[in-house]
Amino acid sequence: MLGVLGDLVEDVVVWVTGPLRHGTDSTARVFRQRGGSAANVAAFAAGQCPVRFLGCVGDDPAGGGLAAELAGHGVDVRVAHRGRTGSIVVLIDDAGERTMLPDRGAATLLETVPDAWLDGLTHLHVPAYSFDGEPVGTTAVDALRRVRSAGGTTSLDASSTGMLEGFGRERFLALAEELAPTLLFANRSESAYLGLLVDGRSGPERARLAATTVVTKSGSEATTIDVPGGAPFTVPVPPVGEVRDLTGAGDAFAAGFLAAFLDARLTGEEASWPSLPGAPGLREAAARGHRCAARVLGSPGASCPED
C-alpha cells in the first residue's frame, strides 16, 4: 500500500482573465477544491493502487468535509483534528501558470503518526512542504525512518523553489542525504536550484544522494531520470490539448509514477529497474505519470473532468 503524508487543505483557485488590476476589480472565475500536494497525490493514485493519506486538518466543518471528499476517491484517510483547516489561494494566469498564497493552518500541526497508520504501507511519499513547520516536520522525518526500518521504500517531492528557499537549500539537501529516499521528484527549476540536475546533466550536489533516483519534470519537455551509477536519460512527454491550469499536474505525475513503482514491487521487479538495459520499468513509470498528469491540465485546481 502507498502512504502519503502531508497537507490536506482547501484550494481557492482563481482563473484570472487578463492582467491583475491593482486597486480595482479584475475579471476572474473562482473555484473551491480539495488541495494540498500530499492529498492530491493520494486522490490521483487511489484509482491505480491502494493508498492511505496521513495528515492533520482543523477541528472544524471544513476539515471534516475535506477528509470526506478525499475518502470519496477511495483513499484510506487517517487524520488528526487540531486548530483550523488551512487554505491556499491559487492564482492562475492565461497560460495556466500558478502563483500560490498558502496558509497551511492545521496541516503543520501533525504531532504523531500512530503505528496503526503505518501498518501495511510498503512505500511512503512525503512532499517537502511537510518538512516546513513544526511539529509536522519532525513527525514526517520520524515516519519516513520508521517505514524504511520496516523494509519499505520512500520518496520525496521537492515541492517548490519558494519553499526550498525559505527552508534552506543546504538544510534540505542534508536532510535528503540523511533520509536517502528511493525516489526524489522535482521540476526543472527545483532540481537546478538544488544542484541535482543542471542543463540535463548530473549537478554538483548529485553525489550526495547516492542511493536515490532523481526524477526531474520539465513541463511539456522530456522528463529526465537520473539513476544512481548511470547517466541521465529522458522520457518524452506526449502532446496534450488545452493547458488551462497546471495545479496538481506534478502531483498527478507522482501518483502515476508511484503506482507503477508499487506494481513492480508486488512482482519484485523494481529492484532490477536501474540495471535493465534502457530502464524500461522507469520509462513506463514516467509514461504512466505523464498520462495521469495530462488528465488534470484542463480542469480547475487538482481535479479531473470526471471528478
C-alpha atoms as a PDB file:
ATOM      1  CA  MET A   1       0.000   0.000   0.000  1.00  0.00           C
ATOM      2  CA  LEU A   2       1.120   3.547  -0.803  1.00  0.00           C
ATOM      3  CA  GLY A   3       1.162   6.022   2.063  1.00  0.00           C
ATOM      4  CA  VAL A   4       1.226   9.782   1.527  1.00  0.00           C
ATOM      5  CA  LEU A   5       1.906  12.154   4.426  1.00  0.00           C
ATOM      6  CA  GLY A   6       1.319  15.882   4.270  1.00  0.00           C
ATOM      7  CA  ASP A   7      -1.184  18.658   3.627  1.00  0.00           C
ATOM      8  CA  LEU A   8      -4.942  18.442   3.147  1.00  0.00           C
ATOM      9  CA  VAL A   9      -6.297  21.968   2.662  1.00  0.00           C
ATOM     10  CA  GLU A  10      -8.890  23.928   0.728  1.00  0.00           C
ATOM     11  CA  ASP A  11      -7.695  25.446  -2.535  1.00  0.00           C
ATOM     12  CA  VAL A  12      -9.361  28.659  -3.649  1.00  0.00           C
ATOM     13  CA  VAL A  13      -8.478  28.581  -7.332  1.00  0.00           C
ATOM     14  CA  VAL A  14      -8.763  31.855  -9.241  1.00  0.00           C
ATOM     15  CA  TRP A  15      -8.679  31.800 -13.027  1.00  0.00           C
ATOM     16  CA  VAL A  16      -7.657  35.348 -13.823  1.00  0.00           C
ATOM     17  CA  THR A  17      -8.754  36.820 -17.141  1.00  0.00           C
ATOM     18  CA  GLY A  18      -6.082  39.225 -18.313  1.00  0.00           C
ATOM     19  CA  PRO A  19      -3.687  41.108 -16.024  1.00  0.00           C
ATOM     20  CA  LEU A  20      -4.477  41.800 -12.377  1.00  0.00           C
ATOM     21  CA  ARG A  21      -5.518  45.447 -11.968  1.00  0.00           C
ATOM     22  CA  HIS A  22      -4.147  46.842  -8.740  1.00  0.00           C
ATOM     23  CA  GLY A  23      -6.610  48.797  -6.605  1.00  0.00           C
ATOM     24  CA  THR A  24      -9.732  47.828  -8.540  1.00  0.00           C
ATOM     25  CA  ASP A  25     -11.683  44.843  -9.892  1.00  0.00           C
ATOM     26  CA  SER A  26     -10.242  42.191 -12.182  1.00  0.00           C
ATOM     27  CA  THR A  27     -12.355  39.638 -14.041  1.00  0.00           C
ATOM     28  CA  ALA A  28     -11.981  36.074 -12.768  1.00  0.00           C
ATOM     29  CA  ARG A  29     -13.629  32.702 -12.183  1.00  0.00           C
ATOM     30  CA  VAL A  30     -13.266  31.238  -8.681  1.00  0.00           C
ATOM     31  CA  PHE A  31     -13.371  27.544  -7.752  1.00  0.00           C
ATOM     32  CA  ARG A  32     -13.131  25.831  -4.374  1.00  0.00           C
ATOM     33  CA  GLN A  33     -11.309  22.495  -4.466  1.00  0.00           C
ATOM     34  CA  ARG A  34      -9.628  19.982  -2.229  1.00  0.00           C
ATOM     35  CA  GLY A  35      -5.920  20.771  -2.208  1.00  0.00           C
ATOM     36  CA  GLY A  36      -2.593  20.037  -0.614  1.00  0.00           C
ATOM     37  CA  SER A  37       0.186  18.264  -2.518  1.00  0.00           C
ATOM     38  CA  ALA A  38       0.026  15.087  -0.421  1.00  0.00           C
ATOM     39  CA  ALA A  39      -3.764  14.858  -0.594  1.00  0.00           C
ATOM     40  CA  ASN A  40      -3.639  15.397  -4.361  1.00  0.00           C
ATOM     41  CA  VAL A  41      -1.150  12.547  -4.825  1.00  0.00           C
ATOM     42  CA  ALA A  42      -3.365  10.280  -2.726  1.00  0.00           C
ATOM     43  CA  ALA A  43      -6.517  11.181  -4.676  1.00  0.00           C
ATOM     44  CA  PHE A  44      -4.881  10.658  -8.076  1.00  0.00           C
ATOM     45  CA  ALA A  45      -3.246   7.380  -7.016  1.00  0.00           C
ATOM     46  CA  ALA A  46      -6.419   5.914  -5.489  1.00  0.00           C
ATOM     47  CA  GLY A  47      -7.746   4.605  -8.788  1.00  0.00           C
ATOM     48  CA  GLN A  48      -4.450   2.880  -9.508  1.00  0.00           C
ATOM     49  CA  CYS A  49      -3.338   1.281  -6.221  1.00  0.00           C
ATOM     50  CA  PRO A  50      -4.371   1.047  -2.553  1.00  0.00           C
ATOM     51  CA  VAL A  51      -3.453   4.336  -0.852  1.00  0.00           C
ATOM     52  CA  ARG A  52      -3.615   5.863   2.622  1.00  0.00           C
ATOM     53  CA  PHE A  53      -3.391   9.564   3.469  1.00  0.00           C
ATOM     54  CA  LEU A  54      -1.811  10.712   6.756  1.00  0.00           C
ATOM     55  CA  GLY A  55      -2.229  14.276   7.967  1.00  0.00           C
ATOM     56  CA  CYS A  56      -3.953  16.832  10.149  1.00  0.00           C
ATOM     57  CA  VAL A  57      -6.974  19.024   9.431  1.00  0.00           C
ATOM     58  CA  GLY A  58      -8.797  21.548  11.548  1.00  0.00           C
ATOM     59  CA  ASP A  59     -11.345  20.697  14.177  1.00  0.00           C
ATOM     60  CA  ASP A  60     -13.974  22.372  12.018  1.00  0.00           C
ATOM     61  CA  PRO A  61     -16.551  21.582   9.316  1.00  0.00           C
ATOM     62  CA  ALA A  62     -14.056  22.390   6.537  1.00  0.00           C
ATOM     63  CA  GLY A  63     -11.651  19.741   7.782  1.00  0.00           C
ATOM     64  CA  GLY A  64     -14.353  17.114   8.053  1.00  0.00           C
ATOM     65  CA  GLY A  65     -15.622  17.926   4.582  1.00  0.00           C
ATOM     66  CA  LEU A  66     -12.175  17.706   3.002  1.00  0.00           C
ATOM     67  CA  ALA A  67     -11.467  14.364   4.690  1.00  0.00           C
ATOM     68  CA  ALA A  68     -14.799  13.008   3.463  1.00  0.00           C
ATOM     69  CA  GLU A  69     -14.141  14.247  -0.080  1.00  0.00           C
ATOM     70  CA  LEU A  70     -10.748  12.543  -0.132  1.00  0.00           C
ATOM     71  CA  ALA A  71     -12.220   9.312   1.229  1.00  0.00           C
ATOM     72  CA  GLY A  72     -14.775   9.500  -1.576  1.00  0.00           C
ATOM     73  CA  HIS A  73     -11.940   8.897  -4.055  1.00  0.00           C
ATOM     74  CA  GLY A  74     -11.202   5.566  -2.353  1.00  0.00           C
ATOM     75  CA  VAL A  75      -8.411   6.846  -0.100  1.00  0.00           C
ATOM     76  CA  ASP A  76      -7.971   5.390   3.399  1.00  0.00           C
ATOM     77  CA  VAL A  77      -7.904   8.713   5.283  1.00  0.00           C
ATOM     78  CA  ARG A  78      -6.173   8.924   8.678  1.00  0.00           C
ATOM     79  CA  VAL A  79      -6.199  12.462  10.087  1.00  0.00           C
ATOM     80  CA  ALA A  80      -5.814  14.218  13.397  1.00  0.00           C
ATOM     81  CA  HIS A  81      -8.078  17.214  14.113  1.00  0.00           C
ATOM     82  CA  ARG A  82      -6.465  20.323  15.597  1.00  0.00           C
ATOM     83  CA  GLY A  83      -6.744  24.073  15.115  1.00  0.00           C
ATOM     84  CA  ARG A  84      -8.251  25.357  11.874  1.00  0.00           C
ATOM     85  CA  THR A  85      -8.120  23.902   8.400  1.00  0.00           C
ATOM     86  CA  GLY A  86      -5.646  25.534   6.017  1.00  0.00           C
ATOM     87  CA  SER A  87      -6.379  27.286   2.734  1.00  0.00           C
ATOM     88  CA  ILE A  88      -4.347  28.190  -0.328  1.00  0.00           C
ATOM     89  CA  VAL A  89      -5.270  30.920  -2.794  1.00  0.00           C
ATOM     90  CA  VAL A  90      -4.049  29.807  -6.223  1.00  0.00           C
ATOM     91  CA  LEU A  91      -3.931  32.491  -8.929  1.00  0.00           C
ATOM     92  CA  ILE A  92      -3.916  31.038 -12.456  1.00  0.00           C
ATOM     93  CA  ASP A  93      -2.880  33.202 -15.395  1.00  0.00           C
ATOM     94  CA  ASP A  94      -3.970  32.749 -19.015  1.00  0.00           C
ATOM     95  CA  ALA A  95      -1.054  30.363 -19.649  1.00  0.00           C
ATOM     96  CA  GLY A  96      -2.146  28.121 -16.787  1.00  0.00           C
ATOM     97  CA  GLU A  97       0.800  29.019 -14.551  1.00  0.00           C
ATOM     98  CA  ARG A  98       0.218  29.294 -10.808  1.00  0.00           C
ATOM     99  CA  THR A  99       1.001  31.809  -8.098  1.00  0.00           C
ATOM    100  CA  MET A 100       0.224  30.371  -4.666  1.00  0.00           C
ATOM    101  CA  LEU A 101      -0.601  32.136  -1.409  1.00  0.00           C
ATOM    102  CA  PRO A 102      -0.576  29.390   1.252  1.00  0.00           C
ATOM    103  CA  ASP A 103      -1.959  29.475   4.776  1.00  0.00           C
ATOM    104  CA  ARG A 104      -1.419  25.828   5.755  1.00  0.00           C
ATOM    105  CA  GLY A 105      -3.181  26.044   9.115  1.00  0.00           C
ATOM    106  CA  ALA A 106      -3.666  22.663  10.783  1.00  0.00           C
ATOM    107  CA  ALA A 107      -1.525  20.894   8.163  1.00  0.00           C
ATOM    108  CA  THR A 108       1.575  21.865  10.176  1.00  0.00           C
ATOM    109  CA  LEU A 109       0.135  20.544  13.464  1.00  0.00           C
ATOM    110  CA  LEU A 110       0.507  16.777  12.970  1.00  0.00           C
ATOM    111  CA  GLU A 111       2.226  15.675  16.190  1.00  0.00           C
ATOM    112  CA  THR A 112       2.469  11.914  15.817  1.00  0.00           C
ATOM    113  CA  VAL A 113       1.784   9.039  13.448  1.00  0.00           C
ATOM    114  CA  PRO A 114       0.376   6.031  15.326  1.00  0.00           C
ATOM    115  CA  ASP A 115       1.776   2.614  14.419  1.00  0.00           C
ATOM    116  CA  ALA A 116      -1.633   1.635  13.040  1.00  0.00           C
ATOM    117  CA  TRP A 117      -1.379   4.394  10.431  1.00  0.00           C
ATOM    118  CA  LEU A 118       1.817   2.835   9.057  1.00  0.00           C
ATOM    119  CA  ASP A 119       0.666  -0.790   9.201  1.00  0.00           C
ATOM    120  CA  GLY A 120       0.597  -2.312   5.741  1.00  0.00           C
ATOM    121  CA  LEU A 121       2.463   0.514   3.998  1.00  0.00           C
ATOM    122  CA  THR A 122       5.168  -0.616   1.585  1.00  0.00           C
ATOM    123  CA  HIS A 123       6.034   2.901   0.415  1.00  0.00           C
ATOM    124  CA  LEU A 124       5.737   6.362   1.998  1.00  0.00           C
ATOM    125  CA  HIS A 125       5.735   9.534  -0.095  1.00  0.00           C
ATOM    126  CA  VAL A 126       6.268  12.934   1.552  1.00  0.00           C
ATOM    127  CA  PRO A 127       6.237  16.318  -0.226  1.00  0.00           C
ATOM    128  CA  ALA A 128       8.903  18.682   1.140  1.00  0.00           C
ATOM    129  CA  TYR A 129       6.164  21.056   2.283  1.00  0.00           C
ATOM    130  CA  SER A 130       5.783  18.685   5.252  1.00  0.00           C
ATOM    131  CA  PHE A 131       9.294  19.487   6.486  1.00  0.00           C
ATOM    132  CA  ASP A 132       8.445  23.181   6.665  1.00  0.00           C
ATOM    133  CA  GLY A 133       6.797  23.809  10.023  1.00  0.00           C
ATOM    134  CA  GLU A 134       6.522  22.069  13.371  1.00  0.00           C
ATOM    135  CA  PRO A 135       5.560  19.667  14.729  1.00  0.00           C
ATOM    136  CA  VAL A 136       4.808  18.157  11.295  1.00  0.00           C
ATOM    137  CA  GLY A 137       8.446  18.406  10.157  1.00  0.00           C
ATOM    138  CA  THR A 138       9.713  16.193  12.965  1.00  0.00           C
ATOM    139  CA  THR A 139       6.731  13.862  12.559  1.00  0.00           C
ATOM    140  CA  ALA A 140       7.350  13.420   8.818  1.00  0.00           C
ATOM    141  CA  VAL A 141      11.026  12.576   9.302  1.00  0.00           C
ATOM    142  CA  ASP A 142      10.155  10.058  12.012  1.00  0.00           C
ATOM    143  CA  ALA A 143       7.539   8.371   9.806  1.00  0.00           C
ATOM    144  CA  LEU A 144       9.980   8.081   6.899  1.00  0.00           C
ATOM    145  CA  ARG A 145      12.579   6.481   9.145  1.00  0.00           C
ATOM    146  CA  ARG A 146      10.061   4.009  10.551  1.00  0.00           C
ATOM    147  CA  VAL A 147       8.887   2.905   7.099  1.00  0.00           C
ATOM    148  CA  ARG A 148      12.486   2.383   5.962  1.00  0.00           C
ATOM    149  CA  SER A 149      13.301   0.448   9.141  1.00  0.00           C
ATOM    150  CA  ALA A 150      10.338  -1.832   8.432  1.00  0.00           C
ATOM    151  CA  GLY A 151      11.700  -2.614   4.948  1.00  0.00           C
ATOM    152  CA  GLY A 152       9.625  -0.136   2.955  1.00  0.00           C
ATOM    153  CA  THR A 153      10.713   2.338   0.312  1.00  0.00           C
ATOM    154  CA  THR A 154      10.284   6.106   0.403  1.00  0.00           C
ATOM    155  CA  SER A 155      10.083   9.140  -1.854  1.00  0.00           C
ATOM    156  CA  LEU A 156      10.224  12.907  -1.504  1.00  0.00           C
ATOM    157  CA  ASP A 157       8.978  15.743  -3.686  1.00  0.00           C
ATOM    158  CA  ALA A 158      10.951  18.996  -3.714  1.00  0.00           C
ATOM    159  CA  SER A 159       7.602  20.883  -3.745  1.00  0.00           C
ATOM    160  CA  SER A 160       8.620  24.436  -4.770  1.00  0.00           C
ATOM    161  CA  THR A 161      11.629  26.711  -5.071  1.00  0.00           C
ATOM    162  CA  GLY A 162       9.906  29.217  -2.780  1.00  0.00           C
ATOM    163  CA  MET A 163       9.534  26.597  -0.081  1.00  0.00           C
ATOM    164  CA  LEU A 164      13.131  25.414  -0.563  1.00  0.00           C
ATOM    165  CA  GLU A 165      14.480  28.946  -0.320  1.00  0.00           C
ATOM    166  CA  GLY A 166      12.590  29.540   2.922  1.00  0.00           C
ATOM    167  CA  PHE A 167      13.529  26.159   4.380  1.00  0.00           C
ATOM    168  CA  GLY A 168      17.156  26.437   3.293  1.00  0.00           C
ATOM    169  CA  ARG A 169      18.864  24.754   0.339  1.00  0.00           C
ATOM    170  CA  GLU A 170      21.653  23.166   2.354  1.00  0.00           C
ATOM    171  CA  ARG A 171      19.255  22.154   5.117  1.00  0.00           C
ATOM    172  CA  PHE A 172      17.048  20.300   2.624  1.00  0.00           C
ATOM    173  CA  LEU A 173      19.994  18.627   0.900  1.00  0.00           C
ATOM    174  CA  ALA A 174      21.407  17.483   4.226  1.00  0.00           C
ATOM    175  CA  LEU A 175      18.020  16.080   5.244  1.00  0.00           C
ATOM    176  CA  ALA A 176      17.556  14.292   1.912  1.00  0.00           C
ATOM    177  CA  GLU A 177      21.089  12.910   2.194  1.00  0.00           C
ATOM    178  CA  GLU A 178      20.298  11.529   5.649  1.00  0.00           C
ATOM    179  CA  LEU A 179      16.902  10.080   4.661  1.00  0.00           C
ATOM    180  CA  ALA A 180      18.250   8.566   1.408  1.00  0.00           C
ATOM    181  CA  PRO A 181      14.838   8.224  -0.294  1.00  0.00           C
ATOM    182  CA  THR A 182      14.416   5.711  -3.084  1.00  0.00           C
ATOM    183  CA  LEU A 183      12.983   8.441  -5.339  1.00  0.00           C
ATOM    184  CA  LEU A 184      13.106  12.238  -5.407  1.00  0.00           C
ATOM    185  CA  PHE A 185      10.717  14.171  -7.638  1.00  0.00           C
ATOM    186  CA  ALA A 186      11.463  17.759  -8.677  1.00  0.00           C
ATOM    187  CA  ASN A 187      10.710  20.112 -11.525  1.00  0.00           C
ATOM    188  CA  ARG A 188      13.463  21.639 -13.612  1.00  0.00           C
ATOM    189  CA  SER A 189      13.864  24.817 -11.535  1.00  0.00           C
ATOM    190  CA  GLU A 190      13.836  22.899  -8.230  1.00  0.00           C
ATOM    191  CA  SER A 191      16.354  20.356  -9.482  1.00  0.00           C
ATOM    192  CA  ALA A 192      18.670  23.108 -10.750  1.00  0.00           C
ATOM    193  CA  TYR A 193      18.306  25.093  -7.510  1.00  0.00           C
ATOM    194  CA  LEU A 194      19.298  22.021  -5.505  1.00  0.00           C
ATOM    195  CA  GLY A 195      22.220  21.293  -7.824  1.00  0.00           C
ATOM    196  CA  LEU A 196      20.907  17.838  -8.725  1.00  0.00           C
ATOM    197  CA  LEU A 197      20.376  18.265 -12.459  1.00  0.00           C
ATOM    198  CA  VAL A 198      21.723  21.212 -14.432  1.00  0.00           C
ATOM    199  CA  ASP A 199      21.272  21.531 -18.220  1.00  0.00           C
ATOM    200  CA  GLY A 200      20.376  17.866 -18.488  1.00  0.00           C
ATOM    201  CA  ARG A 201      23.468  16.638 -16.642  1.00  0.00           C
ATOM    202  CA  SER A 202      24.021  15.458 -13.085  1.00  0.00           C
ATOM    203  CA  GLY A 203      24.657  18.548 -10.942  1.00  0.00           C
ATOM    204  CA  PRO A 204      27.331  19.280  -8.344  1.00  0.00           C
ATOM    205  CA  GLU A 205      25.192  18.013  -5.433  1.00  0.00           C
ATOM    206  CA  ARG A 206      24.020  14.827  -7.134  1.00  0.00           C
ATOM    207  CA  ALA A 207      26.609  12.601  -5.462  1.00  0.00           C
ATOM    208  CA  ARG A 208      25.150  13.398  -2.047  1.00  0.00           C
ATOM    209  CA  LEU A 209      22.042  11.361  -2.942  1.00  0.00           C
ATOM    210  CA  ALA A 210      24.000   8.297  -3.998  1.00  0.00           C
ATOM    211  CA  ALA A 211      21.150   5.831  -3.464  1.00  0.00           C
ATOM    212  CA  THR A 212      18.325   7.993  -4.843  1.00  0.00           C
ATOM    213  CA  THR A 213      16.822   8.047  -8.326  1.00  0.00           C
ATOM    214  CA  VAL A 214      16.130  11.703  -9.189  1.00  0.00           C
ATOM    215  CA  VAL A 215      13.146  12.326 -11.463  1.00  0.00           C
ATOM    216  CA  THR A 216      13.104  15.827 -12.971  1.00  0.00           C
ATOM    217  CA  LYS A 217       9.968  17.075 -14.734  1.00  0.00           C
ATOM    218  CA  SER A 218      10.089  19.870 -17.280  1.00  0.00           C
ATOM    219  CA  GLY A 219       6.535  20.690 -18.284  1.00  0.00           C
ATOM    220  CA  SER A 220       5.892  19.786 -21.907  1.00  0.00           C
ATOM    221  CA  GLU A 221       9.568  18.910 -22.399  1.00  0.00           C
ATOM    222  CA  ALA A 222      11.012  15.471 -21.681  1.00  0.00           C
ATOM    223  CA  THR A 223      11.291  14.173 -18.119  1.00  0.00           C
ATOM    224  CA  THR A 224      14.854  13.328 -17.060  1.00  0.00           C
ATOM    225  CA  ILE A 225      15.576  10.281 -14.902  1.00  0.00           C
ATOM    226  CA  ASP A 226      18.944  10.093 -13.174  1.00  0.00           C
ATOM    227  CA  VAL A 227      19.591   6.628 -11.744  1.00  0.00           C
ATOM    228  CA  PRO A 228      22.433   6.096  -9.258  1.00  0.00           C
ATOM    229  CA  GLY A 229      25.525   4.930 -11.101  1.00  0.00           C
ATOM    230  CA  GLY A 230      24.147   5.668 -14.551  1.00  0.00           C
ATOM    231  CA  ALA A 231      23.833   8.543 -16.990  1.00  0.00           C
ATOM    232  CA  PRO A 232      20.612  10.591 -17.002  1.00  0.00           C
ATOM    233  CA  PHE A 233      18.127   9.645 -19.701  1.00  0.00           C
ATOM    234  CA  THR A 234      14.920  11.275 -20.891  1.00  0.00           C
ATOM    235  CA  VAL A 235      11.324  10.175 -21.408  1.00  0.00           C
ATOM    236  CA  PRO A 236       9.340  12.325 -23.865  1.00  0.00           C
ATOM    237  CA  VAL A 237       6.053  13.943 -22.864  1.00  0.00           C
ATOM    238  CA  PRO A 238       3.229  13.280 -25.348  1.00  0.00           C
ATOM    239  CA  PRO A 239       1.474  16.374 -26.716  1.00  0.00           C
ATOM    240  CA  VAL A 240      -1.630  17.475 -24.840  1.00  0.00           C
ATOM    241  CA  GLY A 241      -4.542  19.681 -25.814  1.00  0.00           C
ATOM    242  CA  GLU A 242      -5.562  22.766 -23.891  1.00  0.00           C
ATOM    243  CA  VAL A 243      -3.490  23.667 -20.832  1.00  0.00           C
ATOM    244  CA  ARG A 244      -5.667  25.874 -18.637  1.00  0.00           C
ATOM    245  CA  ASP A 245      -4.456  25.095 -15.113  1.00  0.00           C
ATOM    246  CA  LEU A 246      -1.187  23.444 -14.049  1.00  0.00           C
ATOM    247  CA  THR A 247      -2.329  22.991 -10.436  1.00  0.00           C
ATOM    248  CA  GLY A 248      -1.844  19.383  -9.368  1.00  0.00           C
ATOM    249  CA  ALA A 249      -0.090  18.237 -12.548  1.00  0.00           C
ATOM    250  CA  GLY A 250       3.114  17.411 -10.683  1.00  0.00           C
ATOM    251  CA  ASP A 251       1.140  15.595  -8.000  1.00  0.00           C
ATOM    252  CA  ALA A 252      -0.705  13.582 -10.644  1.00  0.00           C
ATOM    253  CA  PHE A 253       2.620  12.680 -12.270  1.00  0.00           C
ATOM    254  CA  ALA A 254       3.971  11.444  -8.932  1.00  0.00           C
ATOM    255  CA  ALA A 255       0.796   9.410  -8.378  1.00  0.00           C
ATOM    256  CA  GLY A 256       1.093   7.643 -11.715  1.00  0.00           C
ATOM    257  CA  PHE A 257       4.827   7.045 -11.315  1.00  0.00           C
ATOM    258  CA  LEU A 258       4.449   5.687  -7.784  1.00  0.00           C
ATOM    259  CA  ALA A 259       1.547   3.425  -8.754  1.00  0.00           C
ATOM    260  CA  ALA A 260       3.743   1.855 -11.442  1.00  0.00           C
ATOM    261  CA  PHE A 261       6.590   1.552  -8.932  1.00  0.00           C
ATOM    262  CA  LEU A 262       4.338  -0.249  -6.451  1.00  0.00           C
ATOM    263  CA  ASP A 263       3.050  -2.566  -9.188  1.00  0.00           C
ATOM    264  CA  ALA A 264       6.672  -3.532  -9.853  1.00  0.00           C
ATOM    265  CA  ARG A 265       7.317  -4.040  -6.130  1.00  0.00           C
ATOM    266  CA  LEU A 266       4.493  -6.563  -5.974  1.00  0.00           C
ATOM    267  CA  THR A 267       6.295  -8.712  -8.547  1.00  0.00           C
ATOM    268  CA  GLY A 268       9.797  -7.976  -7.252  1.00  0.00           C
ATOM    269  CA  GLU A 269      10.748  -6.225 -10.495  1.00  0.00           C
ATOM    270  CA  GLU A 270      11.544  -2.773  -9.119  1.00  0.00           C
ATOM    271  CA  ALA A 271      14.900  -3.838  -7.646  1.00  0.00           C
ATOM    272  CA  SER A 272      16.241  -4.554 -11.150  1.00  0.00           C
ATOM    273  CA  TRP A 273      14.812  -1.431 -12.816  1.00  0.00           C
ATOM    274  CA  PRO A 274      18.009   0.652 -12.800  1.00  0.00           C
ATOM    275  CA  SER A 275      20.194  -2.176 -14.128  1.00  0.00           C
ATOM    276  CA  LEU A 276      17.982  -3.309 -17.008  1.00  0.00           C
ATOM    277  CA  PRO A 277      19.117  -2.086 -20.462  1.00  0.00           C
ATOM    278  CA  GLY A 278      17.148   1.047 -21.305  1.00  0.00           C
ATOM    279  CA  ALA A 279      15.488   1.017 -17.851  1.00  0.00           C
ATOM    280  CA  PRO A 280      12.069   0.027 -19.291  1.00  0.00           C
ATOM    281  CA  GLY A 281      10.402  -0.025 -15.862  1.00  0.00           C
ATOM    282  CA  LEU A 282      11.405   3.555 -15.096  1.00  0.00           C
ATOM    283  CA  ARG A 283      10.405   4.659 -18.584  1.00  0.00           C
ATOM    284  CA  GLU A 284       6.971   3.084 -18.191  1.00  0.00           C
ATOM    285  CA  ALA A 285       6.564   4.655 -14.747  1.00  0.00           C
ATOM    286  CA  ALA A 286       7.325   8.089 -16.226  1.00  0.00           C
ATOM    287  CA  ALA A 287       4.958   7.454 -19.133  1.00  0.00           C
ATOM    288  CA  ARG A 288       2.228   6.494 -16.667  1.00  0.00           C
ATOM    289  CA  GLY A 289       2.946   9.683 -14.746  1.00  0.00           C
ATOM    290  CA  HIS A 290       2.646  11.717 -17.940  1.00  0.00           C
ATOM    291  CA  ARG A 291      -0.723  10.150 -18.756  1.00  0.00           C
ATOM    292  CA  CYS A 292      -2.007  10.862 -15.252  1.00  0.00           C
ATOM    293  CA  ALA A 293      -0.794  14.479 -15.338  1.00  0.00           C
ATOM    294  CA  ALA A 294      -2.381  15.137 -18.737  1.00  0.00           C
ATOM    295  CA  ARG A 295      -5.838  14.466 -17.283  1.00  0.00           C
ATOM    296  CA  VAL A 296      -5.756  17.491 -14.947  1.00  0.00           C
ATOM    297  CA  LEU A 297      -4.497  20.256 -17.234  1.00  0.00           C
ATOM    298  CA  GLY A 298      -7.888  21.488 -18.435  1.00  0.00           C
ATOM    299  CA  SER A 299      -9.701  21.485 -15.086  1.00  0.00           C
ATOM    300  CA  PRO A 300      -9.630  23.938 -12.159  1.00  0.00           C
ATOM    301  CA  GLY A 301      -7.233  23.027  -9.379  1.00  0.00           C
ATOM    302  CA  ALA A 302      -6.157  19.456  -8.722  1.00  0.00           C
ATOM    303  CA  SER A 303      -9.156  17.852 -10.405  1.00  0.00           C
ATOM    304  CA  CYS A 304     -10.047  15.836 -13.472  1.00  0.00           C
ATOM    305  CA  PRO A 305     -13.025  16.357 -15.806  1.00  0.00           C
ATOM    306  CA  GLU A 306     -14.663  13.201 -14.424  1.00  0.00           C
ATOM    307  CA  ASP A 307     -14.370  14.370 -10.767  1.00  0.00           C
END
